[in-house]
All heavy atoms as atom14 arrays in JSON, in Angstrom:
{
  "sequence": "QRVSRGDQIGMFHFGGSTHCLVFQPGVELEFQVPVS",
  "atom14_mask": [
    [1, 1, 1, 1, 1, 1, 1, 1, 1, 0, 0, 0, 0, 0],
    [1, 1, 1, 1, 1, 1, 1, 1, 1, 1, 1, 0, 0, 0],
    [1, 1, 1, 1, 1, 1, 1, 0, 0, 0, 0, 0, 0, 0],
    [1, 1, 1, 1, 1, 1, 0, 0, 0, 0, 0, 0, 0, 0],
    [1, 1, 1, 1, 1, 1, 1, 1, 1, 1, 1, 0, 0, 0],
    [1, 1, 1, 1, 0, 0, 0, 0, 0, 0, 0, 0, 0, 0],
    [1, 1, 1, 1, 1, 1, 1, 1, 0, 0, 0, 0, 0, 0],
    [1, 1, 1, 1, 1, 1, 1, 1, 1, 0, 0, 0, 0, 0],
    [1, 1, 1, 1, 1, 1, 1, 1, 0, 0, 0, 0, 0, 0],
    [1, 1, 1, 1, 0, 0, 0, 0, 0, 0, 0, 0, 0, 0],
    [1, 1, 1, 1, 1, 1, 1, 1, 0, 0, 0, 0, 0, 0],
    [1, 1, 1, 1, 1, 1, 1, 1, 1, 1, 1, 0, 0, 0],
    [1, 1, 1, 1, 1, 1, 1, 1, 1, 1, 0, 0, 0, 0],
    [1, 1, 1, 1, 1, 1, 1, 1, 1, 1, 1, 0, 0, 0],
    [1, 1, 1, 1, 0, 0, 0, 0, 0, 0, 0, 0, 0, 0],
    [1, 1, 1, 1, 0, 0, 0, 0, 0, 0, 0, 0, 0, 0],
    [1, 1, 1, 1, 1, 1, 0, 0, 0, 0, 0, 0, 0, 0],
    [1, 1, 1, 1, 1, 1, 1, 0, 0, 0, 0, 0, 0, 0],
    [1, 1, 1, 1, 1, 1, 1, 1, 1, 1, 0, 0, 0, 0],
    [1, 1, 1, 1, 1, 1, 0, 0, 0, 0, 0, 0, 0, 0],
    [1, 1, 1, 1, 1, 1, 1, 1, 0, 0, 0, 0, 0, 0],
    [1, 1, 1, 1, 1, 1, 1, 0, 0, 0, 0, 0, 0, 0],
    [1, 1, 1, 1, 1, 1, 1, 1, 1, 1, 1, 0, 0, 0],
    [1, 1, 1, 1, 1, 1, 1, 1, 1, 0, 0, 0, 0, 0],
    [1, 1, 1, 1, 1, 1, 1, 0, 0, 0, 0, 0, 0, 0],
    [1, 1, 1, 1, 0, 0, 0, 0, 0, 0, 0, 0, 0, 0],
    [1, 1, 1, 1, 1, 1, 1, 0, 0, 0, 0, 0, 0, 0],
    [1, 1, 1, 1, 1, 1, 1, 1, 1, 0, 0, 0, 0, 0],
    [1, 1, 1, 1, 1, 1, 1, 1, 0, 0, 0, 0, 0, 0],
    [1, 1, 1, 1, 1, 1, 1, 1, 1, 0, 0, 0, 0, 0],
    [1, 1, 1, 1, 1, 1, 1, 1, 1, 1, 1, 0, 0, 0],
    [1, 1, 1, 1, 1, 1, 1, 1, 1, 0, 0, 0, 0, 0],
    [1, 1, 1, 1, 1, 1, 1, 0, 0, 0, 0, 0, 0, 0],
    [1, 1, 1, 1, 1, 1, 1, 0, 0, 0, 0, 0, 0, 0],
    [1, 1, 1, 1, 1, 1, 1, 0, 0, 0, 0, 0, 0, 0],
    [1, 1, 1, 1, 1, 1, 0, 0, 0, 0, 0, 0, 0, 0]
  ],
  "atom14_positions": [
    [[12.54, 9.26, 8.11], [12.0, 8.49, 9.24], [11.98, 7.0, 8.91], [11.56, 6.6, 7.83], [10.59, 8.98, 9.57], [9.95, 8.28, 10.76], [8.6, 8.9, 11.12], [8.34, 10.07, 10.84], [7.74, 8.11, 11.74], [0.0, 0.0, 0.0], [0.0, 0.0, 0.0], [0.0, 0.0, 0.0], [0.0, 0.0, 0.0], [0.0, 0.0, 0.0]],
    [[12.42, 6.17, 9.87], [12.35, 4.72, 9.69], [10.96, 4.25, 10.12], [10.43, 4.69, 11.14], [13.42, 4.02, 10.52], [13.25, 2.51, 10.6], [14.51, 1.79, 10.97], [15.45, 1.79, 9.85], [15.35, 0.96, 8.81], [14.36, 0.08, 8.74], [16.23, 1.01, 7.84], [0.0, 0.0, 0.0], [0.0, 0.0, 0.0], [0.0, 0.0, 0.0]],
    [[10.38, 3.36, 9.3], [9.06, 2.8, 9.61], [9.14, 1.28, 9.54], [9.93, 0.72, 8.78], [7.98, 3.32, 8.63], [7.69, 4.79, 8.87], [8.36, 3.06, 7.18], [0.0, 0.0, 0.0], [0.0, 0.0, 0.0], [0.0, 0.0, 0.0], [0.0, 0.0, 0.0], [0.0, 0.0, 0.0], [0.0, 0.0, 0.0], [0.0, 0.0, 0.0]],
    [[8.3, 0.66, 10.32], [8.14, -0.78, 10.28], [6.79, -1.1, 9.66], [5.87, -0.26, 9.66], [8.21, -1.38, 11.69], [9.47, -1.13, 12.27], [0.0, 0.0, 0.0], [0.0, 0.0, 0.0], [0.0, 0.0, 0.0], [0.0, 0.0, 0.0], [0.0, 0.0, 0.0], [0.0, 0.0, 0.0], [0.0, 0.0, 0.0], [0.0, 0.0, 0.0]],
    [[6.66, -2.3, 9.12], [5.38, -2.72, 8.56], [4.28, -2.5, 9.6], [4.39, -2.9, 10.75], [5.43, -4.2, 8.19], [6.24, -4.52, 6.95], [6.46, -6.01, 6.78], [7.2, -6.53, 7.92], [6.8, -7.55, 8.67], [5.67, -8.16, 8.42], [7.55, -7.96, 9.68], [0.0, 0.0, 0.0], [0.0, 0.0, 0.0], [0.0, 0.0, 0.0]],
    [[3.21, -1.83, 9.17], [2.08, -1.59, 10.06], [2.12, -0.27, 10.8], [1.11, 0.12, 11.42], [0.0, 0.0, 0.0], [0.0, 0.0, 0.0], [0.0, 0.0, 0.0], [0.0, 0.0, 0.0], [0.0, 0.0, 0.0], [0.0, 0.0, 0.0], [0.0, 0.0, 0.0], [0.0, 0.0, 0.0], [0.0, 0.0, 0.0], [0.0, 0.0, 0.0]],
    [[3.23, 0.44, 10.77], [3.28, 1.76, 11.41], [2.37, 2.74, 10.66], [2.33, 2.75, 9.42], [4.7, 2.33, 11.41], [5.62, 1.65, 12.4], [5.13, 0.82, 13.19], [6.83, 1.94, 12.37], [0.0, 0.0, 0.0], [0.0, 0.0, 0.0], [0.0, 0.0, 0.0], [0.0, 0.0, 0.0], [0.0, 0.0, 0.0], [0.0, 0.0, 0.0]],
    [[1.67, 3.6, 11.41], [0.84, 4.62, 10.77], [1.72, 5.6, 10.0], [2.74, 6.06, 10.51], [0.01, 5.37, 11.79], [-0.86, 6.46, 11.16], [-1.65, 7.26, 12.16], [-2.49, 6.71, 12.86], [-1.37, 8.56, 12.25], [0.0, 0.0, 0.0], [0.0, 0.0, 0.0], [0.0, 0.0, 0.0], [0.0, 0.0, 0.0], [0.0, 0.0, 0.0]],
    [[1.27, 5.94, 8.77], [2.0, 6.96, 8.0], [1.08, 8.11, 7.55], [1.55, 9.08, 6.97], [2.71, 6.35, 6.77], [1.72, 5.64, 5.84], [3.8, 5.39, 7.22], [2.38, 5.11, 4.56], [0.0, 0.0, 0.0], [0.0, 0.0, 0.0], [0.0, 0.0, 0.0], [0.0, 0.0, 0.0], [0.0, 0.0, 0.0], [0.0, 0.0, 0.0]],
    [[-0.23, 8.0, 7.81], [-1.13, 9.09, 7.43], [-2.58, 8.67, 7.53], [-2.9, 7.58, 8.02], [0.0, 0.0, 0.0], [0.0, 0.0, 0.0], [0.0, 0.0, 0.0], [0.0, 0.0, 0.0], [0.0, 0.0, 0.0], [0.0, 0.0, 0.0], [0.0, 0.0, 0.0], [0.0, 0.0, 0.0], [0.0, 0.0, 0.0], [0.0, 0.0, 0.0]],
    [[-3.48, 9.55, 7.04], [-4.92, 9.26, 7.11], [-5.71, 10.16, 6.15], [-5.24, 11.22, 5.74], [-5.43, 9.45, 8.53], [-5.48, 10.9, 9.01], [-5.77, 11.06, 10.78], [-4.11, 10.79, 11.42], [0.0, 0.0, 0.0], [0.0, 0.0, 0.0], [0.0, 0.0, 0.0], [0.0, 0.0, 0.0], [0.0, 0.0, 0.0], [0.0, 0.0, 0.0]],
    [[-6.92, 9.68, 5.82], [-7.92, 10.5, 5.13], [-8.83, 11.14, 6.17], [-9.11, 10.54, 7.22], [-8.79, 9.65, 4.21], [-8.08, 9.05, 3.03], [-7.99, 7.67, 2.88], [-7.52, 9.86, 2.06], [-7.35, 7.11, 1.79], [-6.88, 9.32, 0.96], [-6.79, 7.94, 0.82], [0.0, 0.0, 0.0], [0.0, 0.0, 0.0], [0.0, 0.0, 0.0]],
    [[-9.32, 12.33, 5.88], [-10.31, 12.99, 6.73], [-11.62, 13.17, 5.97], [-11.64, 13.38, 4.77], [-9.8, 14.37, 7.17], [-8.64, 14.31, 8.11], [-8.78, 14.22, 9.48], [-7.3, 14.33, 7.88], [-7.58, 14.18, 10.04], [-6.67, 14.25, 9.09], [0.0, 0.0, 0.0], [0.0, 0.0, 0.0], [0.0, 0.0, 0.0], [0.0, 0.0, 0.0]],
    [[-12.72, 13.11, 6.72], [-14.08, 13.38, 6.26], [-14.41, 12.86, 4.86], [-15.01, 13.54, 4.05], [-14.44, 14.87, 6.4], [-13.6, 15.85, 5.61], [-13.96, 16.23, 4.33], [-12.46, 16.41, 6.14], [-13.21, 17.14, 3.6], [-11.7, 17.32, 5.44], [-12.08, 17.69, 4.17], [0.0, 0.0, 0.0], [0.0, 0.0, 0.0], [0.0, 0.0, 0.0]],
    [[-14.09, 11.63, 4.58], [-14.49, 11.06, 3.3], [-13.79, 9.75, 3.04], [-13.08, 9.24, 3.89], [0.0, 0.0, 0.0], [0.0, 0.0, 0.0], [0.0, 0.0, 0.0], [0.0, 0.0, 0.0], [0.0, 0.0, 0.0], [0.0, 0.0, 0.0], [0.0, 0.0, 0.0], [0.0, 0.0, 0.0], [0.0, 0.0, 0.0], [0.0, 0.0, 0.0]],
    [[-13.98, 9.2, 1.89], [-13.37, 7.91, 1.57], [-12.53, 8.02, 0.33], [-12.46, 9.07, -0.28], [0.0, 0.0, 0.0], [0.0, 0.0, 0.0], [0.0, 0.0, 0.0], [0.0, 0.0, 0.0], [0.0, 0.0, 0.0], [0.0, 0.0, 0.0], [0.0, 0.0, 0.0], [0.0, 0.0, 0.0], [0.0, 0.0, 0.0], [0.0, 0.0, 0.0]],
    [[-11.86, 6.95, -0.04], [-10.95, 7.12, -1.14], [-10.41, 5.81, -1.65], [-10.95, 4.74, -1.41], [-9.82, 8.03, -0.72], [-9.25, 8.65, -1.84], [0.0, 0.0, 0.0], [0.0, 0.0, 0.0], [0.0, 0.0, 0.0], [0.0, 0.0, 0.0], [0.0, 0.0, 0.0], [0.0, 0.0, 0.0], [0.0, 0.0, 0.0], [0.0, 0.0, 0.0]],
    [[-9.29, 5.93, -2.36], [-8.63, 4.81, -2.98], [-7.12, 5.0, -2.78], [-6.68, 6.07, -2.4], [-8.99, 4.75, -4.48], [-8.48, 3.55, -5.07], [-8.44, 5.94, -5.24], [0.0, 0.0, 0.0], [0.0, 0.0, 0.0], [0.0, 0.0, 0.0], [0.0, 0.0, 0.0], [0.0, 0.0, 0.0], [0.0, 0.0, 0.0], [0.0, 0.0, 0.0]],
    [[-6.34, 3.95, -3.0], [-4.89, 4.1, -2.86], [-4.17, 3.13, -3.77], [-4.72, 2.1, -4.17], [-4.44, 3.9, -1.41], [-4.36, 2.47, -0.99], [-5.47, 1.7, -0.76], [-3.29, 1.65, -0.77], [-5.09, 0.49, -0.4], [-3.77, 0.42, -0.39], [0.0, 0.0, 0.0], [0.0, 0.0, 0.0], [0.0, 0.0, 0.0], [0.0, 0.0, 0.0]],
    [[-2.93, 3.48, -4.11], [-2.09, 2.64, -4.97], [-0.76, 2.35, -4.29], [-0.22, 3.19, -3.57], [-1.8, 3.34, -6.31], [-3.23, 3.54, -7.37], [0.0, 0.0, 0.0], [0.0, 0.0, 0.0], [0.0, 0.0, 0.0], [0.0, 0.0, 0.0], [0.0, 0.0, 0.0], [0.0, 0.0, 0.0], [0.0, 0.0, 0.0], [0.0, 0.0, 0.0]],
    [[-0.24, 1.16, -4.55], [1.13, 0.8, -4.23], [1.84, 0.61, -5.56], [1.35, -0.11, -6.44], [1.19, -0.49, -3.41], [0.46, -0.47, -2.06], [0.61, -1.82, -1.36], [0.97, 0.66, -1.16], [0.0, 0.0, 0.0], [0.0, 0.0, 0.0], [0.0, 0.0, 0.0], [0.0, 0.0, 0.0], [0.0, 0.0, 0.0], [0.0, 0.0, 0.0]],
    [[3.0, 1.27, -5.73], [3.7, 1.28, -7.01], [5.09, 0.66, -6.82], [5.82, 1.02, -5.88], [3.84, 2.72, -7.55], [4.41, 2.71, -8.95], [2.48, 3.44, -7.52], [0.0, 0.0, 0.0], [0.0, 0.0, 0.0], [0.0, 0.0, 0.0], [0.0, 0.0, 0.0], [0.0, 0.0, 0.0], [0.0, 0.0, 0.0], [0.0, 0.0, 0.0]],
    [[5.44, -0.26, -7.74], [6.7, -0.99, -7.63], [7.5, -0.85, -8.92], [6.94, -0.71, -10.01], [6.44, -2.46, -7.33], [5.62, -2.69, -6.09], [4.23, -2.75, -6.17], [6.23, -2.81, -4.86], [3.46, -2.95, -5.03], [5.47, -3.01, -3.71], [4.09, -3.07, -3.79], [0.0, 0.0, 0.0], [0.0, 0.0, 0.0], [0.0, 0.0, 0.0]],
    [[8.81, -0.93, -8.79], [9.69, -0.83, -9.95], [9.62, -2.1, -10.8], [9.22, -3.16, -10.31], [11.13, -0.6, -9.49], [11.35, 0.72, -8.78], [12.8, 0.95, -8.44], [13.64, 1.08, -9.33], [13.12, 1.0, -7.15], [0.0, 0.0, 0.0], [0.0, 0.0, 0.0], [0.0, 0.0, 0.0], [0.0, 0.0, 0.0], [0.0, 0.0, 0.0]],
    [[10.0, -1.99, -12.08], [10.04, -3.18, -12.93], [11.01, -4.2, -12.33], [12.03, -3.84, -11.75], [10.52, -2.66, -14.28], [11.19, -1.36, -13.98], [10.47, -0.79, -12.8], [0.0, 0.0, 0.0], [0.0, 0.0, 0.0], [0.0, 0.0, 0.0], [0.0, 0.0, 0.0], [0.0, 0.0, 0.0], [0.0, 0.0, 0.0], [0.0, 0.0, 0.0]],
    [[10.67, -5.47, -12.48], [11.51, -6.53, -11.92], [11.03, -7.01, -10.57], [11.45, -8.07, -10.11], [0.0, 0.0, 0.0], [0.0, 0.0, 0.0], [0.0, 0.0, 0.0], [0.0, 0.0, 0.0], [0.0, 0.0, 0.0], [0.0, 0.0, 0.0], [0.0, 0.0, 0.0], [0.0, 0.0, 0.0], [0.0, 0.0, 0.0], [0.0, 0.0, 0.0]],
    [[10.14, -6.24, -9.91], [9.57, -6.68, -8.64], [8.33, -7.53, -8.97], [7.31, -7.01, -9.42], [9.18, -5.48, -7.75], [8.53, -5.98, -6.46], [10.39, -4.62, -7.45], [0.0, 0.0, 0.0], [0.0, 0.0, 0.0], [0.0, 0.0, 0.0], [0.0, 0.0, 0.0], [0.0, 0.0, 0.0], [0.0, 0.0, 0.0], [0.0, 0.0, 0.0]],
    [[8.45, -8.81, -8.76], [7.36, -9.74, -9.07], [6.7, -10.17, -7.77], [7.35, -10.72, -6.88], [7.88, -10.95, -9.83], [6.79, -11.89, -10.31], [7.31, -13.04, -11.13], [8.48, -12.98, -11.57], [6.55, -14.01, -11.34], [0.0, 0.0, 0.0], [0.0, 0.0, 0.0], [0.0, 0.0, 0.0], [0.0, 0.0, 0.0], [0.0, 0.0, 0.0]],
    [[5.42, -9.91, -7.67], [4.69, -10.17, -6.44], [3.76, -11.37, -6.57], [3.15, -11.58, -7.62], [3.87, -8.94, -6.04], [4.67, -7.65, -5.79], [3.72, -6.49, -5.55], [5.62, -7.82, -4.61], [0.0, 0.0, 0.0], [0.0, 0.0, 0.0], [0.0, 0.0, 0.0], [0.0, 0.0, 0.0], [0.0, 0.0, 0.0], [0.0, 0.0, 0.0]],
    [[3.65, -12.11, -5.49], [2.68, -13.2, -5.41], [1.67, -12.82, -4.33], [1.99, -12.84, -3.13], [3.37, -14.52, -5.06], [2.41, -15.71, -5.07], [3.15, -17.02, -4.89], [4.11, -17.28, -5.65], [2.77, -17.77, -3.97], [0.0, 0.0, 0.0], [0.0, 0.0, 0.0], [0.0, 0.0, 0.0], [0.0, 0.0, 0.0], [0.0, 0.0, 0.0]],
    [[0.48, -12.46, -4.76], [-0.5, -11.93, -3.83], [-1.18, -13.03, -3.02], [-1.43, -14.13, -3.51], [-1.56, -11.11, -4.59], [-1.1, -9.73, -4.93], [-0.39, -9.49, -6.11], [-1.34, -8.67, -4.08], [0.05, -8.22, -6.41], [-0.9, -7.4, -4.37], [-0.2, -7.17, -5.55], [0.0, 0.0, 0.0], [0.0, 0.0, 0.0], [0.0, 0.0, 0.0]],
    [[-1.48, -12.68, -1.79], [-2.19, -13.58, -0.9], [-3.66, -13.19, -0.77], [-4.38, -13.71, 0.07], [-1.49, -13.6, 0.47], [-0.06, -14.12, 0.36], [0.69, -14.05, 1.67], [0.12, -14.23, 2.73], [1.99, -13.79, 1.6], [0.0, 0.0, 0.0], [0.0, 0.0, 0.0], [0.0, 0.0, 0.0], [0.0, 0.0, 0.0], [0.0, 0.0, 0.0]],
    [[-4.08, -12.23, -1.61], [-5.48, -11.83, -1.7], [-5.87, -11.87, -3.17], [-5.0, -11.79, -4.04], [-5.7, -10.41, -1.13], [-5.28, -10.36, 0.33], [-4.94, -9.36, -1.94], [0.0, 0.0, 0.0], [0.0, 0.0, 0.0], [0.0, 0.0, 0.0], [0.0, 0.0, 0.0], [0.0, 0.0, 0.0], [0.0, 0.0, 0.0], [0.0, 0.0, 0.0]],
    [[-7.16, -12.0, -3.48], [-7.58, -12.04, -4.89], [-7.3, -10.72, -5.59], [-7.68, -9.66, -5.11], [-9.09, -12.3, -4.81], [-9.32, -12.84, -3.44], [-8.29, -12.2, -2.57], [0.0, 0.0, 0.0], [0.0, 0.0, 0.0], [0.0, 0.0, 0.0], [0.0, 0.0, 0.0], [0.0, 0.0, 0.0], [0.0, 0.0, 0.0], [0.0, 0.0, 0.0]],
    [[-6.6, -10.77, -6.73], [-6.35, -9.57, -7.53], [-6.69, -9.86, -8.98], [-6.75, -11.01, -9.4], [-4.88, -9.1, -7.43], [-4.55, -8.65, -6.02], [-3.92, -10.18, -7.88], [0.0, 0.0, 0.0], [0.0, 0.0, 0.0], [0.0, 0.0, 0.0], [0.0, 0.0, 0.0], [0.0, 0.0, 0.0], [0.0, 0.0, 0.0], [0.0, 0.0, 0.0]],
    [[-6.94, -8.79, -9.74], [-7.29, -8.91, -11.14], [-6.58, -7.82, -11.92], [-6.21, -6.78, -11.35], [-8.81, -8.78, -11.33], [-9.15, -8.67, -12.69], [0.0, 0.0, 0.0], [0.0, 0.0, 0.0], [0.0, 0.0, 0.0], [0.0, 0.0, 0.0], [0.0, 0.0, 0.0], [0.0, 0.0, 0.0], [0.0, 0.0, 0.0], [0.0, 0.0, 0.0]]
  ]
}
């Protein structure tokens, strides 16, 4: 399936959680939010 930025891809039910985004080596990111 083709997706665009912001398209829904899933959800959590009845609780809360955490999530990760994983990138290959060589992908250097410049964040626009505070990260540590």
